[in-house]
Amino acid sequence: KLFWEHSSLYSGVGGKAMNRLLGIIQMNPKSVTRDEWSHDDEEKYGIGKVRSLQKFFDTYGIHTETQTVEQHLCRFVGKKMQKEFKPHLRKDRMGINYDTITFKFKDPAPDEKPLPLNGPRG
């Protein structure tokens, strides 16, 4: 059986999971306090310390104040992204040095409606 076929066994888990996710990335509404979501293994599976959340949000076009994102990020991912970020690879070969990145993704086609997440219809 698939996960959603057992959804009745997990009543209320979706909301708790969303509160946890939003809490870890510091986007919970002010009405949700830290004691309202699970912090289990947060240090192990959380956001890490390589870059700040704000740096990540700025780099990838996530606007926390309006809870919106720049569309069409997939058009950047791939060769364009590699060309932009490769010069910023860490000397220790442990990923990207975000301290040296000034790039901020902006929607390359703001007047074009994005496709639905599950692909084109029709």
Foldseek 3Di string as FASTA:
>chain_A
DDPVVCVVVVPPVVVQVVQQVCVLLVQDPPVDDPVSHDCVCCVVPGDDDQDRSVLVCQQQAQDSVVRDGAPDSVVCPDPNVCVQFVVQQDPVNPGGNSVPHPHGDHHPCVPDDDAPPVGHDD
